[in-house]
Amino acid sequence: MKGIESRTEKTGLLLNIYDREPGEFTNAEGKLIKYEAATVIVLLLLWDSKGSAQKIKVDPSAAMNIKEQTEDLAWASLVKVKLNGKEAVSIELIQDPFSKFF
């Protein structure tokens, strides 16, 4: 299935939002990968033929707003994430499938 995502937004099921600590690891090729502390959104992308989750780093200036917007959303809510480069700058709820129950 061919994707219809643009470079400026991603649509998918919201699996998690979390704050990660800085760290490092060695990848399969033996290269040391370092990363800084960040807020991360985990989405199961729609239209992704592999069915894999994607981690999207949140722009630090948008982190508080995105956390507030998603605070009461249920797991697997359908959302659209707007990007600036590779970082999320906003999130929009499309549908919360469990809102009737919780």
PDB file of N, CA and C in Angstrom:
ATOM      1  N   MET A   1       0.857  -1.176   0.000  1.00  0.00           N
ATOM      2  CA  MET A   1       0.000   0.000   0.000  1.00  0.00           C
ATOM      3  C   MET A   1       0.897   1.231   0.000  1.00  0.00           C
ATOM      4  N   LYS A   2       0.635   2.125  -0.876  1.00  0.00           N
ATOM      5  CA  LYS A   2       1.453   3.332  -0.983  1.00  0.00           C
ATOM      6  C   LYS A   2       1.012   4.361   0.053  1.00  0.00           C
ATOM      7  N   GLY A   3       1.976   4.982   0.718  1.00  0.00           N
ATOM      8  CA  GLY A   3       1.676   5.995   1.726  1.00  0.00           C
ATOM      9  C   GLY A   3       1.172   7.284   1.111  1.00  0.00           C
ATOM     10  N   ILE A   4       0.333   7.984   1.863  1.00  0.00           N
ATOM     11  CA  ILE A   4      -0.154   9.279   1.396  1.00  0.00           C
ATOM     12  C   ILE A   4       0.243  10.390   2.360  1.00  0.00           C
ATOM     13  N   GLU A   5       1.189  10.094   3.222  1.00  0.00           N
ATOM     14  CA  GLU A   5       1.647  11.081   4.191  1.00  0.00           C
ATOM     15  C   GLU A   5       2.474  12.160   3.493  1.00  0.00           C
ATOM     16  N   SER A   6       2.408  13.340   4.035  1.00  0.00           N
ATOM     17  CA  SER A   6       3.251  14.415   3.517  1.00  0.00           C
ATOM     18  C   SER A   6       4.488  14.534   4.401  1.00  0.00           C
ATOM     19  N   ARG A   7       5.381  15.388   4.013  1.00  0.00           N
ATOM     20  CA  ARG A   7       6.586  15.618   4.815  1.00  0.00           C
ATOM     21  C   ARG A   7       6.301  16.521   6.009  1.00  0.00           C
ATOM     22  N   THR A   8       5.139  17.151   6.023  1.00  0.00           N
ATOM     23  CA  THR A   8       4.829  18.102   7.092  1.00  0.00           C
ATOM     24  C   THR A   8       3.814  17.585   8.094  1.00  0.00           C
ATOM     25  N   GLU A   9       3.284  16.375   7.894  1.00  0.00           N
ATOM     26  CA  GLU A   9       2.364  15.814   8.884  1.00  0.00           C
ATOM     27  C   GLU A   9       2.336  14.295   8.806  1.00  0.00           C
ATOM     28  N   LYS A  10       2.012  13.688   9.943  1.00  0.00           N
ATOM     29  CA  LYS A  10       1.883  12.234  10.063  1.00  0.00           C
ATOM     30  C   LYS A  10       0.555  11.950  10.750  1.00  0.00           C
ATOM     31  N   THR A  11      -0.155  10.938  10.270  1.00  0.00           N
ATOM     32  CA  THR A  11      -1.427  10.550  10.863  1.00  0.00           C
ATOM     33  C   THR A  11      -1.307   9.118  11.352  1.00  0.00           C
ATOM     34  N   GLY A  12      -1.791   8.863  12.573  1.00  0.00           N
ATOM     35  CA  GLY A  12      -1.711   7.511  13.099  1.00  0.00           C
ATOM     36  C   GLY A  12      -2.369   7.381  14.450  1.00  0.00           C
ATOM     37  N   LEU A  13      -2.230   6.185  15.014  1.00  0.00           N
ATOM     38  CA  LEU A  13      -2.768   5.897  16.335  1.00  0.00           C
ATOM     39  C   LEU A  13      -1.725   6.271  17.379  1.00  0.00           C
ATOM     40  N   LEU A  14      -2.142   7.059  18.343  1.00  0.00           N
ATOM     41  CA  LEU A  14      -1.247   7.515  19.407  1.00  0.00           C
ATOM     42  C   LEU A  14      -0.998   6.366  20.374  1.00  0.00           C
ATOM     43  N   LEU A  15       0.237   5.913  20.439  1.00  0.00           N
ATOM     44  CA  LEU A  15       0.584   4.821  21.341  1.00  0.00           C
ATOM     45  C   LEU A  15       1.167   5.314  22.655  1.00  0.00           C
ATOM     46  N   ASN A  16       1.920   6.422  22.598  1.00  0.00           N
ATOM     47  CA  ASN A  16       2.562   6.904  23.819  1.00  0.00           C
ATOM     48  C   ASN A  16       3.151   8.295  23.583  1.00  0.00           C
ATOM     49  N   ILE A  17       3.277   9.033  24.668  1.00  0.00           N
ATOM     50  CA  ILE A  17       4.075  10.260  24.714  1.00  0.00           C
ATOM     51  C   ILE A  17       4.886  10.159  25.996  1.00  0.00           C
ATOM     52  N   TYR A  18       6.194  10.332  25.880  1.00  0.00           N
ATOM     53  CA  TYR A  18       7.027  10.204  27.070  1.00  0.00           C
ATOM     54  C   TYR A  18       8.231  11.133  26.980  1.00  0.00           C
ATOM     55  N   ASP A  19       8.825  11.373  28.140  1.00  0.00           N
ATOM     56  CA  ASP A  19      10.063  12.150  28.224  1.00  0.00           C
ATOM     57  C   ASP A  19      11.215  11.163  28.345  1.00  0.00           C
ATOM     58  N   ARG A  20      12.137  11.223  27.404  1.00  0.00           N
ATOM     59  CA  ARG A  20      13.284  10.317  27.465  1.00  0.00           C
ATOM     60  C   ARG A  20      14.481  11.044  28.058  1.00  0.00           C
ATOM     61  N   GLU A  21      15.304  10.284  28.710  1.00  0.00           N
ATOM     62  CA  GLU A  21      16.546  10.787  29.286  1.00  0.00           C
ATOM     63  C   GLU A  21      17.638  10.749  28.209  1.00  0.00           C
ATOM     64  N   PRO A  22      18.678  11.563  28.358  1.00  0.00           N
ATOM     65  CA  PRO A  22      19.787  11.467  27.404  1.00  0.00           C
ATOM     66  C   PRO A  22      20.475  10.109  27.552  1.00  0.00           C
ATOM     67  N   GLY A  23      21.073   9.650  26.483  1.00  0.00           N
ATOM     68  CA  GLY A  23      21.751   8.360  26.550  1.00  0.00           C
ATOM     69  C   GLY A  23      22.537   8.069  25.295  1.00  0.00           C
ATOM     70  N   GLU A  24      22.974   6.828  25.202  1.00  0.00           N
ATOM     71  CA  GLU A  24      23.739   6.386  24.041  1.00  0.00           C
ATOM     72  C   GLU A  24      23.626   4.876  23.914  1.00  0.00           C
ATOM     73  N   PHE A  25      23.855   4.387  22.699  1.00  0.00           N
ATOM     74  CA  PHE A  25      23.888   2.957  22.450  1.00  0.00           C
ATOM     75  C   PHE A  25      24.748   2.696  21.217  1.00  0.00           C
ATOM     76  N   THR A  26      25.149   1.456  21.052  1.00  0.00           N
ATOM     77  CA  THR A  26      25.915   1.050  19.880  1.00  0.00           C
ATOM     78  C   THR A  26      24.974   0.313  18.942  1.00  0.00           C
ATOM     79  N   ASN A  27      24.897   0.765  17.688  1.00  0.00           N
ATOM     80  CA  ASN A  27      23.984   0.130  16.737  1.00  0.00           C
ATOM     81  C   ASN A  27      24.593  -1.150  16.166  1.00  0.00           C
ATOM     82  N   ALA A  28      23.861  -1.802  15.272  1.00  0.00           N
ATOM     83  CA  ALA A  28      24.290  -3.087  14.715  1.00  0.00           C
ATOM     84  C   ALA A  28      25.608  -2.994  13.948  1.00  0.00           C
ATOM     85  N   GLU A  29      25.914  -1.822  13.410  1.00  0.00           N
ATOM     86  CA  GLU A  29      27.168  -1.638  12.671  1.00  0.00           C
ATOM     87  C   GLU A  29      28.330  -1.258  13.587  1.00  0.00           C
ATOM     88  N   GLY A  30      28.075  -1.173  14.883  1.00  0.00           N
ATOM     89  CA  GLY A  30      29.121  -0.831  15.830  1.00  0.00           C
ATOM     90  C   GLY A  30      29.328   0.659  16.032  1.00  0.00           C
ATOM     91  N   LYS A  31      28.456   1.473  15.465  1.00  0.00           N
ATOM     92  CA  LYS A  31      28.574   2.925  15.591  1.00  0.00           C
ATOM     93  C   LYS A  31      27.887   3.389  16.874  1.00  0.00           C
ATOM     94  N   LEU A  32      28.556   4.262  17.623  1.00  0.00           N
ATOM     95  CA  LEU A  32      27.991   4.807  18.852  1.00  0.00           C
ATOM     96  C   LEU A  32      26.977   5.901  18.510  1.00  0.00           C
ATOM     97  N   ILE A  33      25.760   5.738  18.980  1.00  0.00           N
ATOM     98  CA  ILE A  33      24.686   6.700  18.748  1.00  0.00           C
ATOM     99  C   ILE A  33      24.379   7.386  20.076  1.00  0.00           C
ATOM    100  N   LYS A  34      24.452   8.721  20.093  1.00  0.00           N
ATOM    101  CA  LYS A  34      24.132   9.498  21.293  1.00  0.00           C
ATOM    102  C   LYS A  34      22.864  10.290  21.037  1.00  0.00           C
ATOM    103  N   TYR A  35      22.066  10.465  22.074  1.00  0.00           N
ATOM    104  CA  TYR A  35      20.841  11.254  21.931  1.00  0.00           C
ATOM    105  C   TYR A  35      20.613  12.077  23.193  1.00  0.00           C
ATOM    106  N   GLU A  36      19.943  13.216  22.993  1.00  0.00           N
ATOM    107  CA  GLU A  36      19.672  14.144  24.086  1.00  0.00           C
ATOM    108  C   GLU A  36      18.310  13.861  24.707  1.00  0.00           C
ATOM    109  N   ALA A  37      18.063  14.460  25.854  1.00  0.00           N
ATOM    110  CA  ALA A  37      16.746  14.364  26.480  1.00  0.00           C
ATOM    111  C   ALA A  37      15.722  15.008  25.551  1.00  0.00           C
ATOM    112  N   ALA A  38      14.526  14.440  25.494  1.00  0.00           N
ATOM    113  CA  ALA A  38      13.488  14.978  24.609  1.00  0.00           C
ATOM    114  C   ALA A  38      12.138  14.393  24.987  1.00  0.00           C
ATOM    115  N   THR A  39      11.081  15.066  24.559  1.00  0.00           N
ATOM    116  CA  THR A  39       9.740  14.503  24.609  1.00  0.00           C
ATOM    117  C   THR A  39       9.531  13.786  23.282  1.00  0.00           C
ATOM    118  N   VAL A  40       8.959  12.581  23.338  1.00  0.00           N
ATOM    119  CA  VAL A  40       8.813  11.741  22.153  1.00  0.00           C
ATOM    120  C   VAL A  40       7.365  11.280  22.021  1.00  0.00           C
ATOM    121  N   ILE A  41       6.826  11.364  20.803  1.00  0.00           N
ATOM    122  CA  ILE A  41       5.504  10.830  20.474  1.00  0.00           C
ATOM    123  C   ILE A  41       5.720   9.510  19.740  1.00  0.00           C
ATOM    124  N   VAL A  42       4.969   8.480  20.133  1.00  0.00           N
ATOM    125  CA  VAL A  42       5.030   7.195  19.436  1.00  0.00           C
ATOM    126  C   VAL A  42       3.707   6.987  18.712  1.00  0.00           C
ATOM    127  N   LEU A  43       3.778   6.849  17.385  1.00  0.00           N
ATOM    128  CA  LEU A  43       2.591   6.664  16.543  1.00  0.00           C
ATOM    129  C   LEU A  43       2.682   5.359  15.772  1.00  0.00           C
ATOM    130  N   LEU A  44       1.546   4.695  15.626  1.00  0.00           N
ATOM    131  CA  LEU A  44       1.411   3.606  14.672  1.00  0.00           C
ATOM    132  C   LEU A  44       0.822   4.260  13.431  1.00  0.00           C
ATOM    133  N   LEU A  45       1.661   4.496  12.445  1.00  0.00           N
ATOM    134  CA  LEU A  45       1.272   5.296  11.287  1.00  0.00           C
ATOM    135  C   LEU A  45       0.221   4.605  10.431  1.00  0.00           C
ATOM    136  N   LEU A  46      -0.750   5.379   9.982  1.00  0.00           N
ATOM    137  CA  LEU A  46      -1.681   4.879   8.980  1.00  0.00           C
ATOM    138  C   LEU A  46      -0.946   4.861   7.652  1.00  0.00           C
ATOM    139  N   TRP A  47      -1.340   4.013   6.776  1.00  0.00           N
ATOM    140  CA  TRP A  47      -0.791   3.913   5.431  1.00  0.00           C
ATOM    141  C   TRP A  47       0.646   3.417   5.420  1.00  0.00           C
ATOM    142  N   ASP A  48       1.122   2.859   6.526  1.00  0.00           N
ATOM    143  CA  ASP A  48       2.482   2.332   6.563  1.00  0.00           C
ATOM    144  C   ASP A  48       2.430   0.843   6.244  1.00  0.00           C
ATOM    145  N   SER A  49       3.033   0.442   5.162  1.00  0.00           N
ATOM    146  CA  SER A  49       2.953  -0.951   4.720  1.00  0.00           C
ATOM    147  C   SER A  49       3.656  -1.913   5.674  1.00  0.00           C
ATOM    148  N   LYS A  50       4.582  -1.421   6.487  1.00  0.00           N
ATOM    149  CA  LYS A  50       5.299  -2.278   7.427  1.00  0.00           C
ATOM    150  C   LYS A  50       4.556  -2.442   8.747  1.00  0.00           C
ATOM    151  N   GLY A  51       3.629  -1.548   9.030  1.00  0.00           N
ATOM    152  CA  GLY A  51       2.881  -1.626  10.284  1.00  0.00           C
ATOM    153  C   GLY A  51       3.743  -1.374  11.503  1.00  0.00           C
ATOM    154  N   SER A  52       4.764  -0.553  11.349  1.00  0.00           N
ATOM    155  CA  SER A  52       5.669  -0.306  12.468  1.00  0.00           C
ATOM    156  C   SER A  52       5.381   1.037  13.130  1.00  0.00           C
ATOM    157  N   ALA A  53       5.711   1.109  14.395  1.00  0.00           N
ATOM    158  CA  ALA A  53       5.543   2.359  15.136  1.00  0.00           C
ATOM    159  C   ALA A  53       6.704   3.295  14.804  1.00  0.00           C
ATOM    160  N   GLN A  54       6.427   4.584  14.870  1.00  0.00           N
ATOM    161  CA  GLN A  54       7.461   5.587  14.615  1.00  0.00           C
ATOM    162  C   GLN A  54       7.561   6.513  15.817  1.00  0.00           C
ATOM    163  N   LYS A  55       8.787   6.795  16.224  1.00  0.00           N
ATOM    164  CA  LYS A  55       9.035   7.752  17.295  1.00  0.00           C
ATOM    165  C   LYS A  55       9.335   9.102  16.667  1.00  0.00           C
ATOM    166  N   ILE A  56       8.627  10.128  17.141  1.00  0.00           N
ATOM    167  CA  ILE A  56       8.801  11.478  16.614  1.00  0.00           C
ATOM    168  C   ILE A  56       9.199  12.392  17.764  1.00  0.00           C
ATOM    169  N   LYS A  57      10.353  13.007  17.649  1.00  0.00           N
ATOM    170  CA  LYS A  57      10.819  13.951  18.666  1.00  0.00           C
ATOM    171  C   LYS A  57       9.960  15.211  18.604  1.00  0.00           C
ATOM    172  N   VAL A  58       9.619  15.752  19.777  1.00  0.00           N
ATOM    173  CA  VAL A  58       8.792  16.955  19.871  1.00  0.00           C
ATOM    174  C   VAL A  58       9.696  18.176  20.003  1.00  0.00           C
ATOM    175  N   ASP A  59       9.389  19.224  19.243  1.00  0.00           N
ATOM    176  CA  ASP A  59      10.100  20.492  19.371  1.00  0.00           C
ATOM    177  C   ASP A  59       9.959  20.957  20.820  1.00  0.00           C
ATOM    178  N   PRO A  60      11.058  21.300  21.494  1.00  0.00           N
ATOM    179  CA  PRO A  60      10.980  21.695  22.904  1.00  0.00           C
ATOM    180  C   PRO A  60       9.987  22.821  23.176  1.00  0.00           C
ATOM    181  N   SER A  61       9.833  23.750  22.244  1.00  0.00           N
ATOM    182  CA  SER A  61       8.903  24.862  22.456  1.00  0.00           C
ATOM    183  C   SER A  61       7.441  24.421  22.374  1.00  0.00           C
ATOM    184  N   ALA A  62       7.177  23.240  21.822  1.00  0.00           N
ATOM    185  CA  ALA A  62       5.804  22.740  21.685  1.00  0.00           C
ATOM    186  C   ALA A  62       5.476  21.634  22.682  1.00  0.00           C
ATOM    187  N   ALA A  63       6.463  21.171  23.442  1.00  0.00           N
ATOM    188  CA  ALA A  63       6.275  20.003  24.305  1.00  0.00           C
ATOM    189  C   ALA A  63       5.158  20.186  25.331  1.00  0.00           C
ATOM    190  N   MET A  64       5.139  21.297  26.039  1.00  0.00           N
ATOM    191  CA  MET A  64       4.126  21.488  27.073  1.00  0.00           C
ATOM    192  C   MET A  64       2.722  21.514  26.467  1.00  0.00           C
ATOM    193  N   ASN A  65       2.550  22.217  25.368  1.00  0.00           N
ATOM    194  CA  ASN A  65       1.247  22.312  24.714  1.00  0.00           C
ATOM    195  C   ASN A  65       0.769  20.936  24.232  1.00  0.00           C
ATOM    196  N   ILE A  66       1.646  20.164  23.623  1.00  0.00           N
ATOM    197  CA  ILE A  66       1.281  18.831  23.135  1.00  0.00           C
ATOM    198  C   ILE A  66       0.921  17.913  24.299  1.00  0.00           C
ATOM    199  N   LYS A  67       1.671  17.985  25.382  1.00  0.00           N
ATOM    200  CA  LYS A  67       1.349  17.160  26.557  1.00  0.00           C
ATOM    201  C   LYS A  67      -0.018  17.517  27.122  1.00  0.00           C
ATOM    202  N   GLU A  68      -0.323  18.812  27.200  1.00  0.00           N
ATOM    203  CA  GLU A  68      -1.629  19.246  27.705  1.00  0.00           C
ATOM    204  C   GLU A  68      -2.756  18.776  26.796  1.00  0.00           C
ATOM    205  N   GLN A  69      -2.560  18.860  25.486  1.00  0.00           N
ATOM    206  CA  GLN A  69      -3.590  18.450  24.534  1.00  0.00           C
ATOM    207  C   GLN A  69      -3.875  16.954  24.589  1.00  0.00           C
ATOM    208  N   THR A  70      -2.895  16.167  24.935  1.00  0.00           N
ATOM    209  CA  THR A  70      -3.053  14.712  24.905  1.00  0.00           C
ATOM    210  C   THR A  70      -3.257  14.097  26.286  1.00  0.00           C
ATOM    211  N   GLU A  71      -3.275  14.916  27.306  1.00  0.00           N
ATOM    212  CA  GLU A  71      -3.354  14.417  28.676  1.00  0.00           C
ATOM    213  C   GLU A  71      -4.549  13.491  28.907  1.00  0.00           C
ATOM    214  N   ASP A  72      -5.702  13.808  28.339  1.00  0.00           N
ATOM    215  CA  ASP A  72      -6.906  13.023  28.584  1.00  0.00           C
ATOM    216  C   ASP A  72      -7.280  12.096  27.431  1.00  0.00           C
ATOM    217  N   LEU A  73      -6.410  11.950  26.447  1.00  0.00           N
ATOM    218  CA  LEU A  73      -6.716  11.068  25.324  1.00  0.00           C
ATOM    219  C   LEU A  73      -6.469   9.614  25.699  1.00  0.00           C
ATOM    220  N   ALA A  74      -7.300   8.743  25.160  1.00  0.00           N
ATOM    221  CA  ALA A  74      -7.126   7.310  25.371  1.00  0.00           C
ATOM    222  C   ALA A  74      -6.026   6.782  24.451  1.00  0.00           C
ATOM    223  N   TRP A  75      -5.459   5.655  24.855  1.00  0.00           N
ATOM    224  CA  TRP A  75      -4.494   4.965  24.023  1.00  0.00           C
ATOM    225  C   TRP A  75      -5.168   4.639  22.693  1.00  0.00           C
ATOM    226  N   ALA A  76      -4.461   4.741  21.604  1.00  0.00           N
ATOM    227  CA  ALA A  76      -4.935   4.438  20.248  1.00  0.00           C
ATOM    228  C   ALA A  76      -5.884   5.482  19.679  1.00  0.00           C
ATOM    229  N   SER A  77      -5.873   6.686  20.225  1.00  0.00           N
ATOM    230  CA  SER A  77      -6.636   7.772  19.600  1.00  0.00           C
ATOM    231  C   SER A  77      -6.005   8.083  18.246  1.00  0.00           C
ATOM    232  N   LEU A  78      -6.843   8.415  17.285  1.00  0.00           N
ATOM    233  CA  LEU A  78      -6.365   8.771  15.957  1.00  0.00           C
ATOM    234  C   LEU A  78      -5.994  10.249  15.966  1.00  0.00           C
ATOM    235  N   VAL A  79      -4.732  10.548  15.636  1.00  0.00           N
ATOM    236  CA  VAL A  79      -4.238  11.923  15.690  1.00  0.00           C
ATOM    237  C   VAL A  79      -3.466  12.279  14.425  1.00  0.00           C
ATOM    238  N   LYS A  80      -3.336  13.588  14.204  1.00  0.00           N
ATOM    239  CA  LYS A  80      -2.501  14.121  13.130  1.00  0.00           C
ATOM    240  C   LYS A  80      -1.425  14.972  13.792  1.00  0.00           C
ATOM    241  N   VAL A  81      -0.174  14.674  13.498  1.00  0.00           N
ATOM    242  CA  VAL A  81       0.964  15.399  14.055  1.00  0.00           C
ATOM    243  C   VAL A  81       1.553  16.277  12.956  1.00  0.00           C
ATOM    244  N   LYS A  82       1.664  17.565  13.234  1.00  0.00           N
ATOM    245  CA  LYS A  82       2.280  18.494  12.276  1.00  0.00           C
ATOM    246  C   LYS A  82       3.764  18.599  12.609  1.00  0.00           C
ATOM    247  N   LEU A  83       4.575  18.627  11.559  1.00  0.00           N
ATOM    248  CA  LEU A  83       6.024  18.617  11.715  1.00  0.00           C
ATOM    249  C   LEU A  83       6.669  19.893  11.196  1.00  0.00           C
ATOM    250  N   ASN A  84       7.764  20.247  11.841  1.00  0.00           N
ATOM    251  CA  ASN A  84       8.674  21.270  11.334  1.00  0.00           C
ATOM    252  C   ASN A  84      10.004  20.548  11.197  1.00  0.00           C
ATOM    253  N   GLY A  85      10.366  20.206   9.973  1.00  0.00           N
ATOM    254  CA  GLY A  85      11.516  19.334   9.781  1.00  0.00           C
ATOM    255  C   GLY A  85      11.143  17.945  10.252  1.00  0.00           C
ATOM    256  N   LYS A  86      11.911  17.410  11.205  1.00  0.00           N
ATOM    257  CA  LYS A  86      11.623  16.082  11.744  1.00  0.00           C
ATOM    258  C   LYS A  86      10.978  16.139  13.123  1.00  0.00           C
ATOM    259  N   GLU A  87      10.691  17.334  13.626  1.00  0.00           N
ATOM    260  CA  GLU A  87      10.142  17.478  14.975  1.00  0.00           C
ATOM    261  C   GLU A  87       8.669  17.851  14.952  1.00  0.00           C
ATOM    262  N   ALA A  88       7.924  17.288  15.899  1.00  0.00           N
ATOM    263  CA  ALA A  88       6.503  17.602  16.037  1.00  0.00           C
ATOM    264  C   ALA A  88       6.335  18.987  16.647  1.00  0.00           C
ATOM    265  N   VAL A  89       5.427  19.774  16.072  1.00  0.00           N
ATOM    266  CA  VAL A  89       5.153  21.109  16.604  1.00  0.00           C
ATOM    267  C   VAL A  89       3.705  21.251  17.073  1.00  0.00           C
ATOM    268  N   SER A  90       2.827  20.342  16.640  1.00  0.00           N
ATOM    269  CA  SER A  90       1.447  20.355  17.131  1.00  0.00           C
ATOM    270  C   SER A  90       0.824  18.988  16.895  1.00  0.00           C
ATOM    271  N   ILE A  91      -0.281  18.758  17.605  1.00  0.00           N
ATOM    272  CA  ILE A  91      -1.007  17.502  17.471  1.00  0.00           C
ATOM    273  C   ILE A  91      -2.494  17.823  17.453  1.00  0.00           C
ATOM    274  N   GLU A  92      -3.222  17.125  16.589  1.00  0.00           N
ATOM    275  CA  GLU A  92      -4.655  17.367  16.432  1.00  0.00           C
ATOM    276  C   GLU A  92      -5.398  16.044  16.593  1.00  0.00           C
ATOM    277  N   LEU A  93      -6.396  16.027  17.455  1.00  0.00           N
ATOM    278  CA  LEU A  93      -7.221  14.836  17.634  1.00  0.00           C
ATOM    279  C   LEU A  93      -8.168  14.699  16.453  1.00  0.00           C
ATOM    280  N   ILE A  94      -8.182  13.529  15.836  1.00  0.00           N
ATOM    281  CA  ILE A  94      -9.143  13.226  14.781  1.00  0.00           C
ATOM    282  C   ILE A  94     -10.299  12.429  15.376  1.00  0.00           C
ATOM    283  N   GLN A  95      -9.963  11.384  16.163  1.00  0.00           N
ATOM    284  CA  GLN A  95     -11.005  10.597  16.811  1.00  0.00           C
ATOM    285  C   GLN A  95     -10.432   9.888  18.030  1.00  0.00           C
ATOM    286  N   ASP A  96     -11.195   9.915  19.113  1.00  0.00           N
ATOM    287  CA  ASP A  96     -10.848   9.190  20.331  1.00  0.00           C
ATOM    288  C   ASP A  96     -11.827   8.024  20.433  1.00  0.00           C
ATOM    289  N   PRO A  97     -11.410   6.816  20.060  1.00  0.00           N
ATOM    290  CA  PRO A  97     -12.343   5.693  19.976  1.00  0.00           C
ATOM    291  C   PRO A  97     -12.930   5.254  21.314  1.00  0.00           C
ATOM    292  N   PHE A  98     -12.284   5.601  22.410  1.00  0.00           N
ATOM    293  CA  PHE A  98     -12.751   5.142  23.708  1.00  0.00           C
ATOM    294  C   PHE A  98     -13.411   6.237  24.534  1.00  0.00           C
ATOM    295  N   SER A  99     -13.667   7.390  23.945  1.00  0.00           N
ATOM    296  CA  SER A  99     -14.243   8.511  24.698  1.00  0.00           C
ATOM    297  C   SER A  99     -15.617   8.184  25.272  1.00  0.00           C
ATOM    298  N   LYS A 100     -16.343   7.281  24.655  1.00  0.00           N
ATOM    299  CA  LYS A 100     -17.670   6.892  25.154  1.00  0.00           C
ATOM    300  C   LYS A 100     -17.578   6.073  26.438  1.00  0.00           C
ATOM    301  N   PHE A 101     -16.450   5.422  26.623  1.00  0.00           N
ATOM    302  CA  PHE A 101     -16.309   4.489  27.733  1.00  0.00           C
ATOM    303  C   PHE A 101     -15.578   5.061  28.941  1.00  0.00           C
ATOM    304  N   PHE A 102     -14.769   6.097  28.724  1.00  0.00           N
ATOM    305  CA  PHE A 102     -13.961   6.632  29.828  1.00  0.00           C
ATOM    306  C   PHE A 102     -14.221   8.100  30.026  1.00  0.00           C
TER     307      PHE A 102
END
